[in-house]
Each structure stands twice: as C-alpha cells, then as structure tokens.
C-alpha atoms as a PDB file:
ATOM      1  CA  MET A   1      70.676 106.157 102.382  1.00  0.00           C
ATOM      2  CA  GLN A   2      71.734 102.970 100.620  1.00  0.00           C
ATOM      3  CA  THR A   3      70.894  99.648 102.247  1.00  0.00           C
ATOM      4  CA  SER A   4      73.485  96.921 102.306  1.00  0.00           C
ATOM      5  CA  PRO A   5      72.820  93.945 100.037  1.00  0.00           C
ATOM      6  CA  VAL A   6      71.414  90.810 101.590  1.00  0.00           C
ATOM      7  CA  ILE A   7      70.990  87.217 100.584  1.00  0.00           C
ATOM      8  CA  GLN A   8      67.488  86.390  99.327  1.00  0.00           C
ATOM      9  CA  PRO A   9      65.173  86.155 102.356  1.00  0.00           C
ATOM     10  CA  ASP A  10      63.947  82.630 101.542  1.00  0.00           C
ATOM     11  CA  ILE A  11      67.542  81.370 101.302  1.00  0.00           C
ATOM     12  CA  ALA A  12      68.586  83.166 104.483  1.00  0.00           C
ATOM     13  CA  LYS A  13      65.589  81.736 106.346  1.00  0.00           C
ATOM     14  CA  ALA A  14      65.872  78.169 105.031  1.00  0.00           C
ATOM     15  CA  PHE A  15      69.630  77.833 105.588  1.00  0.00           C
ATOM     16  CA  SER A  16      70.423  80.546 108.159  1.00  0.00           C
ATOM     17  CA  VAL A  17      73.280  81.769 105.993  1.00  0.00           C
ATOM     18  CA  LYS A  18      75.046  85.026 106.659  1.00  0.00           C
ATOM     19  CA  SER A  19      76.770  87.095 103.994  1.00  0.00           C
ATOM     20  CA  ASP A  20      80.468  86.305 103.670  1.00  0.00           C
ATOM     21  CA  GLN A  21      81.397  88.402 100.639  1.00  0.00           C
ATOM     22  CA  VAL A  22      79.506  90.703  98.282  1.00  0.00           C
ATOM     23  CA  PHE A  23      80.610  91.024  94.643  1.00  0.00           C
ATOM     24  CA  HIS A  24      80.085  94.261  92.689  1.00  0.00           C
ATOM     25  CA  ARG A  25      80.204  95.224  89.035  1.00  0.00           C
ATOM     26  CA  ALA A  26      82.247  98.256  87.979  1.00  0.00           C
ATOM     27  CA  ASN A  27      79.117 100.426  88.432  1.00  0.00           C
ATOM     28  CA  ASN A  28      78.871  99.170  92.054  1.00  0.00           C
ATOM     29  CA  GLN A  29      75.769  97.056  91.347  1.00  0.00           C
ATOM     30  CA  VAL A  30      75.775  93.785  93.300  1.00  0.00           C
ATOM     31  CA  TYR A  31      75.875  90.720  91.064  1.00  0.00           C
ATOM     32  CA  ALA A  32      76.513  87.970  93.633  1.00  0.00           C
ATOM     33  CA  ILE A  33      76.645  87.332  97.355  1.00  0.00           C
ATOM     34  CA  VAL A  34      78.410  84.365  98.899  1.00  0.00           C
ATOM     35  CA  GLY A  35      77.124  83.351 102.293  1.00  0.00           C
ATOM     36  CA  CYS A  36      77.763  80.542 104.711  1.00  0.00           C
ATOM     37  CA  ASN A  37      76.531  78.723 107.770  1.00  0.00           C
ATOM     38  CA  ARG A  38      79.428  76.979 109.499  1.00  0.00           C
ATOM     39  CA  GLU A  39      77.165  75.021 111.849  1.00  0.00           C
ATOM     40  CA  LEU A  40      75.332  73.374 108.948  1.00  0.00           C
ATOM     41  CA  GLY A  41      78.426  73.272 106.721  1.00  0.00           C
ATOM     42  CA  ILE A  42      76.737  75.241 103.925  1.00  0.00           C
ATOM     43  CA  VAL A  43      78.138  77.692 101.414  1.00  0.00           C
ATOM     44  CA  SER A  44      75.669  79.558  99.227  1.00  0.00           C
ATOM     45  CA  ASP A  45      76.124  81.735  96.199  1.00  0.00           C
ATOM     46  CA  VAL A  46      73.180  83.909  95.259  1.00  0.00           C
ATOM     47  CA  TRP A  47      73.249  85.690  91.911  1.00  0.00           C
ATOM     48  CA  PHE A  48      71.505  88.903  90.856  1.00  0.00           C
ATOM     49  CA  ASP A  49      70.985  90.374  87.436  1.00  0.00           C
ATOM     50  CA  ARG A  50      74.193  90.137  85.391  1.00  0.00           C
ATOM     51  CA  TYR A  51      77.941  90.368  85.663  1.00  0.00           C
ATOM     52  CA  ASP A  52      80.041  92.118  83.035  1.00  0.00           C
ATOM     53  CA  ARG A  53      82.952  89.767  82.354  1.00  0.00           C
ATOM     54  CA  PRO A  54      83.637  86.022  82.682  1.00  0.00           C
ATOM     55  CA  ASP A  55      86.374  86.737  85.243  1.00  0.00           C
ATOM     56  CA  GLU A  56      83.698  88.197  87.547  1.00  0.00           C
ATOM     57  CA  PHE A  57      81.798  84.893  87.421  1.00  0.00           C
ATOM     58  CA  ARG A  58      85.006  82.973  88.050  1.00  0.00           C
ATOM     59  CA  HIS A  59      86.008  85.266  90.923  1.00  0.00           C
ATOM     60  CA  VAL A  60      82.849  84.277  92.825  1.00  0.00           C
ATOM     61  CA  LEU A  61      83.374  80.560  92.266  1.00  0.00           C
ATOM     62  CA  ARG A  62      87.037  80.781  93.274  1.00  0.00           C
ATOM     63  CA  HIS A  63      85.877  82.344  96.542  1.00  0.00           C
ATOM     64  CA  VAL A  64      83.366  79.519  97.046  1.00  0.00           C
ATOM     65  CA  LEU A  65      86.152  77.008  96.434  1.00  0.00           C
ATOM     66  CA  GLN A  66      88.397  78.746  98.973  1.00  0.00           C
ATOM     67  CA  LEU A  67      85.663  78.354 101.583  1.00  0.00           C
ATOM     68  CA  PHE A  68      85.450  74.617 100.875  1.00  0.00           C
ATOM     69  CA  GLN A  69      89.213  74.361 101.107  1.00  0.00           C
ATOM     70  CA  THR A  70      89.039  75.526 104.742  1.00  0.00           C
ATOM     71  CA  GLY A  71      87.530  72.118 105.542  1.00  0.00           C
ATOM     72  CA  SER A  72      84.512  73.672 107.278  1.00  0.00           C
ATOM     73  CA  PHE A  73      81.869  73.031 104.611  1.00  0.00           C
ATOM     74  CA  GLN A  74      80.204  70.032 102.948  1.00  0.00           C
ATOM     75  CA  TYR A  75      77.176  71.488 101.153  1.00  0.00           C
ATOM     76  CA  TRP A  76      76.763  74.072  98.412  1.00  0.00           C
ATOM     77  CA  LEU A  77      73.590  75.895  97.484  1.00  0.00           C
ATOM     78  CA  ALA A  78      73.757  77.812  94.200  1.00  0.00           C
ATOM     79  CA  ASP A  79      70.761  80.117  93.759  1.00  0.00           C
ATOM     80  CA  LEU A  80      70.567  81.106  90.093  1.00  0.00           C
ATOM     81  CA  ARG A  81      66.914  82.173  90.055  1.00  0.00           C
ATOM     82  CA  PHE A  82      67.733  85.851  89.543  1.00  0.00           C
ATOM     83  CA  MET A  83      70.850  85.504  87.404  1.00  0.00           C
ATOM     84  CA  LEU A  84      70.533  87.189  84.012  1.00  0.00           C
ATOM     85  CA  SER A  85      73.840  86.028  82.562  1.00  0.00           C
ATOM     86  CA  ASP A  86      74.652  82.725  81.036  1.00  0.00           C
ATOM     87  CA  PHE A  87      77.965  81.138  81.948  1.00  0.00           C
ATOM     88  CA  SER A  88      78.566  79.019  78.866  1.00  0.00           C
ATOM     89  CA  HIS A  89      81.989  80.708  78.660  1.00  0.00           C
ATOM     90  CA  SER A  90      82.988  78.919  81.869  1.00  0.00           C
ATOM     91  CA  GLU A  91      81.114  75.603  81.772  1.00  0.00           C
ATOM     92  CA  ASP A  92      84.229  73.536  80.978  1.00  0.00           C
ATOM     93  CA  TRP A  93      86.263  75.385  83.608  1.00  0.00           C
ATOM     94  CA  LEU A  94      83.528  74.818  86.173  1.00  0.00           C
ATOM     95  CA  MET A  95      83.220  71.089  85.412  1.00  0.00           C
ATOM     96  CA  ASN A  96      86.928  70.341  84.974  1.00  0.00           C
ATOM     97  CA  GLU A  97      88.527  72.565  87.608  1.00  0.00           C
ATOM     98  CA  ILE A  98      86.169  74.007  90.204  1.00  0.00           C
ATOM     99  CA  MET A  99      83.923  70.997  90.824  1.00  0.00           C
ATOM    100  CA  PRO A 100      86.711  68.388  91.117  1.00  0.00           C
ATOM    101  CA  ALA A 101      88.607  70.713  93.481  1.00  0.00           C
ATOM    102  CA  ALA A 102      85.449  71.308  95.562  1.00  0.00           C
ATOM    103  CA  PHE A 103      84.789  67.552  95.798  1.00  0.00           C
ATOM    104  CA  SER A 104      88.406  67.002  96.856  1.00  0.00           C
ATOM    105  CA  ALA A 105      87.972  69.711  99.501  1.00  0.00           C
ATOM    106  CA  GLY A 106      84.975  67.949 101.069  1.00  0.00           C
ATOM    107  CA  LEU A 107      81.920  68.950  99.019  1.00  0.00           C
ATOM    108  CA  GLU A 108      79.338  66.200  99.496  1.00  0.00           C
ATOM    109  CA  ARG A 109      76.306  67.671  97.705  1.00  0.00           C
ATOM    110  CA  GLU A 110      75.348  70.735  95.702  1.00  0.00           C
ATOM    111  CA  ALA A 111      71.783  71.913  95.108  1.00  0.00           C
ATOM    112  CA  VAL A 112      71.331  74.308  92.202  1.00  0.00           C
ATOM    113  CA  VAL A 113      68.129  76.335  92.313  1.00  0.00           C
ATOM    114  CA  LEU A 114      67.344  77.176  88.713  1.00  0.00           C
ATOM    115  CA  PRO A 115      65.406  80.062  87.243  1.00  0.00           C
ATOM    116  CA  ASP A 116      62.162  79.309  85.489  1.00  0.00           C
ATOM    117  CA  ALA A 117      62.926  77.753  82.103  1.00  0.00           C
ATOM    118  CA  SER A 118      60.938  80.499  80.411  1.00  0.00           C
ATOM    119  CA  VAL A 119      63.044  83.353  81.809  1.00  0.00           C
ATOM    120  CA  LYS A 120      65.190  84.635  78.969  1.00  0.00           C
ATOM    121  CA  VAL A 121      66.356  88.216  78.857  1.00  0.00           C
ATOM    122  CA  GLU A 122      67.980  89.725  75.785  1.00  0.00           C
ATOM    123  CA  GLY A 123      69.077  86.361  74.477  1.00  0.00           C
ATOM    124  CA  ILE A 124      70.493  85.161  77.802  1.00  0.00           C
ATOM    125  CA  ASP A 125      69.476  81.672  78.914  1.00  0.00           C
ATOM    126  CA  THR A 126      70.767  80.963  82.422  1.00  0.00           C
ATOM    127  CA  TYR A 127      68.511  77.915  82.673  1.00  0.00           C
ATOM    128  CA  ALA A 128      70.135  76.205  79.674  1.00  0.00           C
ATOM    129  CA  SER A 129      73.665  76.962  80.859  1.00  0.00           C
ATOM    130  CA  ALA A 130      72.992  75.692  84.379  1.00  0.00           C
ATOM    131  CA  SER A 131      71.080  72.652  83.124  1.00  0.00           C
ATOM    132  CA  ARG A 132      73.930  71.626  80.810  1.00  0.00           C
ATOM    133  CA  THR A 133      76.398  71.841  83.682  1.00  0.00           C
ATOM    134  CA  VAL A 134      74.239  69.807  86.088  1.00  0.00           C
ATOM    135  CA  LYS A 135      73.616  67.156  83.409  1.00  0.00           C
ATOM    136  CA  ALA A 136      77.307  66.978  82.521  1.00  0.00           C
ATOM    137  CA  LEU A 137      78.260  66.392  86.158  1.00  0.00           C
ATOM    138  CA  ALA A 138      75.458  63.816  86.629  1.00  0.00           C
ATOM    139  CA  ASN A 139      77.293  62.091  89.451  1.00  0.00           C
ATOM    140  CA  GLY A 140      74.434  62.138  91.945  1.00  0.00           C
ATOM    141  CA  ARG A 141      76.055  64.800  94.088  1.00  0.00           C
ATOM    142  CA  VAL A 142      74.798  67.815  92.114  1.00  0.00           C
ATOM    143  CA  ARG A 143      71.079  68.197  91.566  1.00  0.00           C
ATOM    144  CA  ALA A 144      68.846  70.929  90.190  1.00  0.00           C
ATOM    145  CA  PHE A 145      65.681  72.215  91.837  1.00  0.00           C
ATOM    146  CA  SER A 146      63.064  74.866  91.234  1.00  0.00           C
ATOM    147  CA  ASP A 147      61.968  74.960  94.879  1.00  0.00           C
ATOM    148  CA  VAL A 148      64.171  76.068  97.793  1.00  0.00           C
ATOM    149  CA  ALA A 149      62.414  73.787 100.325  1.00  0.00           C
ATOM    150  CA  LEU A 150      63.023  70.700  98.168  1.00  0.00           C
ATOM    151  CA  ALA A 151      66.635  71.760  97.611  1.00  0.00           C
ATOM    152  CA  LYS A 152      67.091  72.075 101.387  1.00  0.00           C
ATOM    153  CA  LYS A 153      65.649  68.611 102.071  1.00  0.00           C
ATOM    154  CA  TRP A 154      67.974  67.000  99.562  1.00  0.00           C
ATOM    155  CA  LEU A 155      71.000  69.076 100.476  1.00  0.00           C
ATOM    156  CA  LEU A 156      70.849  68.536 104.244  1.00  0.00           C
ATOM    157  CA  GLU A 157      69.171  65.121 104.430  1.00  0.00           C
ATOM    158  CA  GLY A 158      70.253  63.533 101.164  1.00  0.00           C
ATOM    159  CA  LYS A 159      66.632  62.676 100.396  1.00  0.00           C
ATOM    160  CA  ILE A 160      65.440  63.067  96.851  1.00  0.00           C
ATOM    161  CA  PRO A 161      62.021  64.699  96.980  1.00  0.00           C
ATOM    162  CA  GLU A 162      59.198  62.441  95.829  1.00  0.00           C
ATOM    163  CA  ARG A 163      57.288  63.455  92.761  1.00  0.00           C
ATOM    164  CA  ASP A 164      53.498  63.546  92.741  1.00  0.00           C
END
C-alpha cells in the first residue's frame, strides 16, 4: 500500500499548511508539493530529490504564482532543503518574470530555506543556485534561512532574527 506524499512535518507543523498540489516525475516519483494556509496567507513549495526537465521546475512555480494571483496569499515559504536539482536554467526567468508577477499579485515576503551548503550530489549545487537568486533579488522581501523557526518568525512577523 502506497502512502500519499505529505509536506515535510516541520513545515506542516510550523505553518499549518495543507497540500494543494503534488507534482510527479514521469516515473511517478514526487519532486515537489505546493501547500497553503489561507488563514495565514502562506503558500509553500517543498522540493524532494530531483526533477527531470526545466519545465517541471517552472510548472511548480507557475502554480505558486497562480495561487498568489487569487489575492488570498501574502507570504511564500520555499523549502529547498531536500532538492537535488539546481535551477540555474531558470534563474533569469524566476527573477524577471515569476518574482515581479508574484510581488504584483500581493507577495509581501518570501523565506527560502536552503540546504546545507555542503550538500552536493553528482555535481548539483542547489545551495549556489538558490543563493544567487536570493542575492540577485536583494530587495529585502526575499531572505534565505537554514532554520525553519527563524524563517517563520521573519515571514509572519517581519522580524529579522538576531545573530548571536
């Protein structure tokens, strides 16, 4: 008996998000789940392993954008900790099309939870790809975190976590 895919437990607990759409590779392996919490105005995308083609990556982000365009959401949590694909093929598209459209649709803040910088599988460096994108946006509304609790505090309260 196959269990249905779920959002990472720490994300589900911290943000009370429920799965909205599950994305599968051709072999039926889940590569991303988009979830949301309408009460908190949060959309989340949680990534697993790898996707096969750039259009699969873009399909997920187009779905996220459609949710923002409903006018029901203000916050975006992107959990890339378990992503084993880099998205350098779509960095310009993400920065020049998706993000401006999401901001126009009401996105106030995005927290990106990054994988450990040392996680590199078969030449893939998700950390570098995500870091470049966050740095390129550098408008104060998109920030990177390694800790879900700190991402939540900033995302929902707008407070930048203090450093020790």
